[in-house]
Amino acid sequence: MLLLKINQIMDEKRLNTRQLSKMTGIRWNTINDMSENKSKHWSPENLEKIMKALEIEDVSELIEYVKDDKKTTEE
C-alpha cells in the first residue's frame, strides 16, 4: 500500500496541518485526511502543491510503499 509521509515531514519542519493548508491553498480537512492517510485518492495537483510547500524535489520523499501482509484467498 502507498502511504503519504506528510505528518513526518511536517514534524521535521515544525508545521501543522493548518499552516500547510494556508501555504498550499488546500482545504484543512483535505490536508488532515491526507496526512492521516485516510484519503484514498490524491490529486496530482494537491501532491504538487504539497511538494512545493514542503520543498520536496522527489516524490519518493513524500510517498512510501509499505508491503501489505494481508493475503487474499482465491477460491
PDB file of N, CA and C in Angstrom:
ATOM      1  N   MET A   1       0.838  -1.171   0.000  1.00  0.00           N
ATOM      2  CA  MET A   1       0.000   0.000   0.000  1.00  0.00           C
ATOM      3  C   MET A   1       0.883   1.234   0.000  1.00  0.00           C
ATOM      4  N   LEU A   2       0.379   2.302  -0.550  1.00  0.00           N
ATOM      5  CA  LEU A   2       1.106   3.568  -0.598  1.00  0.00           C
ATOM      6  C   LEU A   2       0.647   4.472   0.541  1.00  0.00           C
ATOM      7  N   LEU A   3       1.595   5.081   1.213  1.00  0.00           N
ATOM      8  CA  LEU A   3       1.292   5.989   2.320  1.00  0.00           C
ATOM      9  C   LEU A   3       1.996   7.316   2.093  1.00  0.00           C
ATOM     10  N   LEU A   4       1.316   8.378   2.476  1.00  0.00           N
ATOM     11  CA  LEU A   4       1.929   9.705   2.425  1.00  0.00           C
ATOM     12  C   LEU A   4       2.683   9.951   3.726  1.00  0.00           C
ATOM     13  N   LYS A   5       3.837  10.567   3.618  1.00  0.00           N
ATOM     14  CA  LYS A   5       4.663  10.859   4.792  1.00  0.00           C
ATOM     15  C   LYS A   5       4.526  12.327   5.202  1.00  0.00           C
ATOM     16  N   ILE A   6       3.346  12.891   5.000  1.00  0.00           N
ATOM     17  CA  ILE A   6       3.135  14.310   5.283  1.00  0.00           C
ATOM     18  C   ILE A   6       3.369  14.620   6.761  1.00  0.00           C
ATOM     19  N   ASN A   7       2.817  13.808   7.659  1.00  0.00           N
ATOM     20  CA  ASN A   7       2.984  14.070   9.095  1.00  0.00           C
ATOM     21  C   ASN A   7       4.453  14.080   9.489  1.00  0.00           C
ATOM     22  N   GLN A   8       5.204  13.111   9.020  1.00  0.00           N
ATOM     23  CA  GLN A   8       6.632  13.024   9.336  1.00  0.00           C
ATOM     24  C   GLN A   8       7.369  14.271   8.852  1.00  0.00           C
ATOM     25  N   ILE A   9       7.071  14.701   7.637  1.00  0.00           N
ATOM     26  CA  ILE A   9       7.750  15.867   7.065  1.00  0.00           C
ATOM     27  C   ILE A   9       7.325  17.142   7.785  1.00  0.00           C
ATOM     28  N   MET A  10       6.027  17.249   8.104  1.00  0.00           N
ATOM     29  CA  MET A  10       5.561  18.431   8.838  1.00  0.00           C
ATOM     30  C   MET A  10       6.236  18.510  10.204  1.00  0.00           C
ATOM     31  N   ASP A  11       6.390  17.368  10.871  1.00  0.00           N
ATOM     32  CA  ASP A  11       7.078  17.352  12.169  1.00  0.00           C
ATOM     33  C   ASP A  11       8.514  17.851  12.028  1.00  0.00           C
ATOM     34  N   GLU A  12       9.199  17.366  10.992  1.00  0.00           N
ATOM     35  CA  GLU A  12      10.589  17.781  10.768  1.00  0.00           C
ATOM     36  C   GLU A  12      10.694  19.284  10.525  1.00  0.00           C
ATOM     37  N   LYS A  13       9.677  19.843   9.856  1.00  0.00           N
ATOM     38  CA  LYS A  13       9.697  21.264   9.514  1.00  0.00           C
ATOM     39  C   LYS A  13       8.927  22.110  10.529  1.00  0.00           C
ATOM     40  N   ARG A  14       8.448  21.459  11.578  1.00  0.00           N
ATOM     41  CA  ARG A  14       7.701  22.126  12.652  1.00  0.00           C
ATOM     42  C   ARG A  14       6.482  22.882  12.120  1.00  0.00           C
ATOM     43  N   LEU A  15       5.708  22.176  11.297  1.00  0.00           N
ATOM     44  CA  LEU A  15       4.475  22.729  10.737  1.00  0.00           C
ATOM     45  C   LEU A  15       3.296  21.902  11.213  1.00  0.00           C
ATOM     46  N   ASN A  16       2.112  22.515  11.198  1.00  0.00           N
ATOM     47  CA  ASN A  16       0.899  21.759  11.467  1.00  0.00           C
ATOM     48  C   ASN A  16       0.010  21.791  10.220  1.00  0.00           C
ATOM     49  N   THR A  17      -1.092  21.057  10.270  1.00  0.00           N
ATOM     50  CA  THR A  17      -1.953  20.936   9.087  1.00  0.00           C
ATOM     51  C   THR A  17      -2.561  22.272   8.684  1.00  0.00           C
ATOM     52  N   ARG A  18      -2.885  23.103   9.634  1.00  0.00           N
ATOM     53  CA  ARG A  18      -3.460  24.416   9.292  1.00  0.00           C
ATOM     54  C   ARG A  18      -2.439  25.292   8.571  1.00  0.00           C
ATOM     55  N   GLN A  19      -1.206  25.250   9.029  1.00  0.00           N
ATOM     56  CA  GLN A  19      -0.155  26.028   8.363  1.00  0.00           C
ATOM     57  C   GLN A  19       0.073  25.522   6.939  1.00  0.00           C
ATOM     58  N   LEU A  20       0.122  24.201   6.773  1.00  0.00           N
ATOM     59  CA  LEU A  20       0.318  23.637   5.439  1.00  0.00           C
ATOM     60  C   LEU A  20      -0.872  23.960   4.545  1.00  0.00           C
ATOM     61  N   SER A  21      -2.056  23.974   5.114  1.00  0.00           N
ATOM     62  CA  SER A  21      -3.251  24.345   4.360  1.00  0.00           C
ATOM     63  C   SER A  21      -3.134  25.767   3.827  1.00  0.00           C
ATOM     64  N   LYS A  22      -2.695  26.690   4.664  1.00  0.00           N
ATOM     65  CA  LYS A  22      -2.523  28.083   4.229  1.00  0.00           C
ATOM     66  C   LYS A  22      -1.424  28.212   3.180  1.00  0.00           C
ATOM     67  N   MET A  23      -0.363  27.442   3.335  1.00  0.00           N
ATOM     68  CA  MET A  23       0.755  27.505   2.395  1.00  0.00           C
ATOM     69  C   MET A  23       0.372  26.983   1.010  1.00  0.00           C
ATOM     70  N   THR A  24      -0.543  26.006   0.974  1.00  0.00           N
ATOM     71  CA  THR A  24      -0.881  25.341  -0.286  1.00  0.00           C
ATOM     72  C   THR A  24      -2.194  25.807  -0.899  1.00  0.00           C
ATOM     73  N   GLY A  25      -3.079  26.357  -0.065  1.00  0.00           N
ATOM     74  CA  GLY A  25      -4.410  26.699  -0.553  1.00  0.00           C
ATOM     75  C   GLY A  25      -5.343  25.499  -0.593  1.00  0.00           C
ATOM     76  N   ILE A  26      -4.903  24.385  -0.026  1.00  0.00           N
ATOM     77  CA  ILE A  26      -5.718  23.169   0.035  1.00  0.00           C
ATOM     78  C   ILE A  26      -6.515  23.206   1.336  1.00  0.00           C
ATOM     79  N   ARG A  27      -7.776  22.814   1.273  1.00  0.00           N
ATOM     80  CA  ARG A  27      -8.625  22.819   2.466  1.00  0.00           C
ATOM     81  C   ARG A  27      -7.959  22.061   3.615  1.00  0.00           C
ATOM     82  N   TRP A  28      -8.150  22.569   4.829  1.00  0.00           N
ATOM     83  CA  TRP A  28      -7.569  21.949   6.017  1.00  0.00           C
ATOM     84  C   TRP A  28      -8.005  20.497   6.143  1.00  0.00           C
ATOM     85  N   ASN A  29      -9.293  20.219   5.920  1.00  0.00           N
ATOM     86  CA  ASN A  29      -9.804  18.850   6.050  1.00  0.00           C
ATOM     87  C   ASN A  29      -9.103  17.902   5.084  1.00  0.00           C
ATOM     88  N   THR A  30      -8.846  18.383   3.884  1.00  0.00           N
ATOM     89  CA  THR A  30      -8.165  17.564   2.884  1.00  0.00           C
ATOM     90  C   THR A  30      -6.739  17.268   3.325  1.00  0.00           C
ATOM     91  N   ILE A  31      -6.030  18.295   3.788  1.00  0.00           N
ATOM     92  CA  ILE A  31      -4.660  18.106   4.287  1.00  0.00           C
ATOM     93  C   ILE A  31      -4.668  17.132   5.459  1.00  0.00           C
ATOM     94  N   ASN A  32      -5.609  17.295   6.360  1.00  0.00           N
ATOM     95  CA  ASN A  32      -5.701  16.424   7.528  1.00  0.00           C
ATOM     96  C   ASN A  32      -5.923  14.973   7.110  1.00  0.00           C
ATOM     97  N   ASP A  33      -6.873  14.740   6.205  1.00  0.00           N
ATOM     98  CA  ASP A  33      -7.139  13.378   5.727  1.00  0.00           C
ATOM     99  C   ASP A  33      -5.916  12.781   5.038  1.00  0.00           C
ATOM    100  N   MET A  34      -5.240  13.584   4.237  1.00  0.00           N
ATOM    101  CA  MET A  34      -4.049  13.092   3.544  1.00  0.00           C
ATOM    102  C   MET A  34      -2.929  12.785   4.537  1.00  0.00           C
ATOM    103  N   SER A  35      -2.750  13.636   5.527  1.00  0.00           N
ATOM    104  CA  SER A  35      -1.659  13.438   6.486  1.00  0.00           C
ATOM    105  C   SER A  35      -1.904  12.232   7.387  1.00  0.00           C
ATOM    106  N   GLU A  36      -3.180  11.878   7.588  1.00  0.00           N
ATOM    107  CA  GLU A  36      -3.515  10.707   8.399  1.00  0.00           C
ATOM    108  C   GLU A  36      -3.742   9.471   7.537  1.00  0.00           C
ATOM    109  N   ASN A  37      -3.473   9.590   6.242  1.00  0.00           N
ATOM    110  CA  ASN A  37      -3.643   8.507   5.271  1.00  0.00           C
ATOM    111  C   ASN A  37      -5.062   7.955   5.262  1.00  0.00           C
ATOM    112  N   LYS A  38      -6.032   8.849   5.422  1.00  0.00           N
ATOM    113  CA  LYS A  38      -7.444   8.483   5.328  1.00  0.00           C
ATOM    114  C   LYS A  38      -7.970   8.684   3.916  1.00  0.00           C
ATOM    115  N   SER A  39      -7.273   9.477   3.150  1.00  0.00           N
ATOM    116  CA  SER A  39      -7.685   9.788   1.788  1.00  0.00           C
ATOM    117  C   SER A  39      -7.247   8.662   0.860  1.00  0.00           C
ATOM    118  N   LYS A  40      -8.195   8.149   0.058  1.00  0.00           N
ATOM    119  CA  LYS A  40      -7.880   7.042  -0.844  1.00  0.00           C
ATOM    120  C   LYS A  40      -7.367   7.529  -2.190  1.00  0.00           C
ATOM    121  N   HIS A  41      -7.667   8.763  -2.528  1.00  0.00           N
ATOM    122  CA  HIS A  41      -7.252   9.320  -3.815  1.00  0.00           C
ATOM    123  C   HIS A  41      -6.521  10.637  -3.574  1.00  0.00           C
ATOM    124  N   TRP A  42      -5.398  10.795  -4.234  1.00  0.00           N
ATOM    125  CA  TRP A  42      -4.608  12.017  -4.122  1.00  0.00           C
ATOM    126  C   TRP A  42      -4.552  12.663  -5.490  1.00  0.00           C
ATOM    127  N   SER A  43      -5.008  13.886  -5.577  1.00  0.00           N
ATOM    128  CA  SER A  43      -4.941  14.558  -6.876  1.00  0.00           C
ATOM    129  C   SER A  43      -3.495  14.974  -7.143  1.00  0.00           C
ATOM    130  N   PRO A  44      -3.057  14.841  -8.380  1.00  0.00           N
ATOM    131  CA  PRO A  44      -1.693  15.269  -8.722  1.00  0.00           C
ATOM    132  C   PRO A  44      -1.457  16.742  -8.395  1.00  0.00           C
ATOM    133  N   GLU A  45      -2.494  17.559  -8.558  1.00  0.00           N
ATOM    134  CA  GLU A  45      -2.367  18.988  -8.268  1.00  0.00           C
ATOM    135  C   GLU A  45      -2.067  19.220  -6.790  1.00  0.00           C
ATOM    136  N   ASN A  46      -2.791  18.507  -5.911  1.00  0.00           N
ATOM    137  CA  ASN A  46      -2.561  18.667  -4.475  1.00  0.00           C
ATOM    138  C   ASN A  46      -1.188  18.149  -4.070  1.00  0.00           C
ATOM    139  N   LEU A  47      -0.782  17.024  -4.642  1.00  0.00           N
ATOM    140  CA  LEU A  47       0.548  16.494  -4.331  1.00  0.00           C
ATOM    141  C   LEU A  47       1.632  17.488  -4.740  1.00  0.00           C
ATOM    142  N   GLU A  48       1.448  18.102  -5.900  1.00  0.00           N
ATOM    143  CA  GLU A  48       2.431  19.082  -6.373  1.00  0.00           C
ATOM    144  C   GLU A  48       2.490  20.297  -5.449  1.00  0.00           C
ATOM    145  N   LYS A  49       1.326  20.792  -5.019  1.00  0.00           N
ATOM    146  CA  LYS A  49       1.286  21.939  -4.105  1.00  0.00           C
ATOM    147  C   LYS A  49       1.980  21.611  -2.783  1.00  0.00           C
ATOM    148  N   ILE A  50       1.728  20.413  -2.277  1.00  0.00           N
ATOM    149  CA  ILE A  50       2.337  19.990  -1.013  1.00  0.00           C
ATOM    150  C   ILE A  50       3.849  19.860  -1.169  1.00  0.00           C
ATOM    151  N   MET A  51       4.275  19.264  -2.282  1.00  0.00           N
ATOM    152  CA  MET A  51       5.714  19.118  -2.523  1.00  0.00           C
ATOM    153  C   MET A  51       6.405  20.470  -2.598  1.00  0.00           C
ATOM    154  N   LYS A  52       5.783  21.422  -3.269  1.00  0.00           N
ATOM    155  CA  LYS A  52       6.373  22.761  -3.371  1.00  0.00           C
ATOM    156  C   LYS A  52       6.439  23.427  -2.001  1.00  0.00           C
ATOM    157  N   ALA A  53       5.345  23.347  -1.243  1.00  0.00           N
ATOM    158  CA  ALA A  53       5.295  23.995   0.070  1.00  0.00           C
ATOM    159  C   ALA A  53       6.310  23.389   1.038  1.00  0.00           C
ATOM    160  N   LEU A  54       6.504  22.074   0.955  1.00  0.00           N
ATOM    161  CA  LEU A  54       7.425  21.392   1.861  1.00  0.00           C
ATOM    162  C   LEU A  54       8.841  21.298   1.291  1.00  0.00           C
ATOM    163  N   GLU A  55       9.035  21.920   0.126  1.00  0.00           N
ATOM    164  CA  GLU A  55      10.343  21.943  -0.537  1.00  0.00           C
ATOM    165  C   GLU A  55      10.875  20.536  -0.796  1.00  0.00           C
ATOM    166  N   ILE A  56       9.998  19.698  -1.343  1.00  0.00           N
ATOM    167  CA  ILE A  56      10.347  18.325  -1.700  1.00  0.00           C
ATOM    168  C   ILE A  56      10.570  18.276  -3.203  1.00  0.00           C
ATOM    169  N   GLU A  57      11.679  17.692  -3.616  1.00  0.00           N
ATOM    170  CA  GLU A  57      12.007  17.627  -5.038  1.00  0.00           C
ATOM    171  C   GLU A  57      11.719  16.268  -5.661  1.00  0.00           C
ATOM    172  N   ASP A  58      11.646  15.219  -4.852  1.00  0.00           N
ATOM    173  CA  ASP A  58      11.422  13.873  -5.358  1.00  0.00           C
ATOM    174  C   ASP A  58      10.184  13.291  -4.682  1.00  0.00           C
ATOM    175  N   VAL A  59       9.270  12.781  -5.484  1.00  0.00           N
ATOM    176  CA  VAL A  59       8.012  12.263  -4.950  1.00  0.00           C
ATOM    177  C   VAL A  59       8.246  11.115  -3.964  1.00  0.00           C
ATOM    178  N   SER A  60       9.367  10.419  -4.085  1.00  0.00           N
ATOM    179  CA  SER A  60       9.656   9.321  -3.158  1.00  0.00           C
ATOM    180  C   SER A  60       9.896   9.825  -1.728  1.00  0.00           C
ATOM    181  N   GLU A  61      10.159  11.110  -1.576  1.00  0.00           N
ATOM    182  CA  GLU A  61      10.292  11.692  -0.239  1.00  0.00           C
ATOM    183  C   GLU A  61       8.926  11.870   0.417  1.00  0.00           C
ATOM    184  N   LEU A  62       7.879  11.893  -0.396  1.00  0.00           N
ATOM    185  CA  LEU A  62       6.522  12.141   0.092  1.00  0.00           C
ATOM    186  C   LEU A  62       5.696  10.866   0.206  1.00  0.00           C
ATOM    187  N   ILE A  63       5.938   9.916  -0.697  1.00  0.00           N
ATOM    188  CA  ILE A  63       5.130   8.699  -0.760  1.00  0.00           C
ATOM    189  C   ILE A  63       5.995   7.497  -0.424  1.00  0.00           C
ATOM    190  N   GLU A  64       5.450   6.629   0.423  1.00  0.00           N
ATOM    191  CA  GLU A  64       6.175   5.438   0.854  1.00  0.00           C
ATOM    192  C   GLU A  64       5.363   4.200   0.495  1.00  0.00           C
ATOM    193  N   TYR A  65       6.043   3.173   0.012  1.00  0.00           N
ATOM    194  CA  TYR A  65       5.392   1.893  -0.256  1.00  0.00           C
ATOM    195  C   TYR A  65       5.602   0.984   0.939  1.00  0.00           C
ATOM    196  N   VAL A  66       4.493   0.472   1.479  1.00  0.00           N
ATOM    197  CA  VAL A  66       4.546  -0.463   2.594  1.00  0.00           C
ATOM    198  C   VAL A  66       3.880  -1.747   2.128  1.00  0.00           C
ATOM    199  N   LYS A  67       4.612  -2.837   2.222  1.00  0.00           N
ATOM    200  CA  LYS A  67       4.076  -4.118   1.783  1.00  0.00           C
ATOM    201  C   LYS A  67       2.883  -4.489   2.646  1.00  0.00           C
ATOM    202  N   ASP A  68       1.793  -4.843   1.987  1.00  0.00           N
ATOM    203  CA  ASP A  68       0.574  -5.250   2.683  1.00  0.00           C
ATOM    204  C   ASP A  68       0.666  -6.748   2.937  1.00  0.00           C
ATOM    205  N   ASP A  69       0.730  -7.144   4.192  1.00  0.00           N
ATOM    206  CA  ASP A  69       0.889  -8.554   4.536  1.00  0.00           C
ATOM    207  C   ASP A  69      -0.411  -9.345   4.485  1.00  0.00           C
ATOM    208  N   LYS A  70      -1.518  -8.674   4.269  1.00  0.00           N
ATOM    209  CA  LYS A  70      -2.792  -9.380   4.183  1.00  0.00           C
ATOM    210  C   LYS A  70      -2.805 -10.197   2.902  1.00  0.00           C
ATOM    211  N   LYS A  71      -3.046 -11.473   3.044  1.00  0.00           N
ATOM    212  CA  LYS A  71      -3.083 -12.348   1.876  1.00  0.00           C
ATOM    213  C   LYS A  71      -4.525 -12.517   1.429  1.00  0.00           C
ATOM    214  N   THR A  72      -4.726 -12.426   0.145  1.00  0.00           N
ATOM    215  CA  THR A  72      -6.064 -12.649  -0.387  1.00  0.00           C
ATOM    216  C   THR A  72      -6.174 -14.105  -0.784  1.00  0.00           C
ATOM    217  N   THR A  73      -7.292 -14.689  -0.468  1.00  0.00           N
ATOM    218  CA  THR A  73      -7.511 -16.087  -0.826  1.00  0.00           C
ATOM    219  C   THR A  73      -8.452 -16.153  -2.001  1.00  0.00           C
ATOM    220  N   GLU A  74      -8.060 -16.923  -2.952  1.00  0.00           N
ATOM    221  CA  GLU A  74      -8.896 -17.106  -4.126  1.00  0.00           C
ATOM    222  C   GLU A  74      -9.435 -18.520  -4.091  1.00  0.00           C
ATOM    223  N   GLU A  75     -10.731 -18.634  -4.054  1.00  0.00           N
ATOM    224  CA  GLU A  75     -11.349 -19.961  -4.004  1.00  0.00           C
ATOM    225  C   GLU A  75     -12.246 -20.171  -5.176  1.00  0.00           C
TER     226      GLU A  75
END
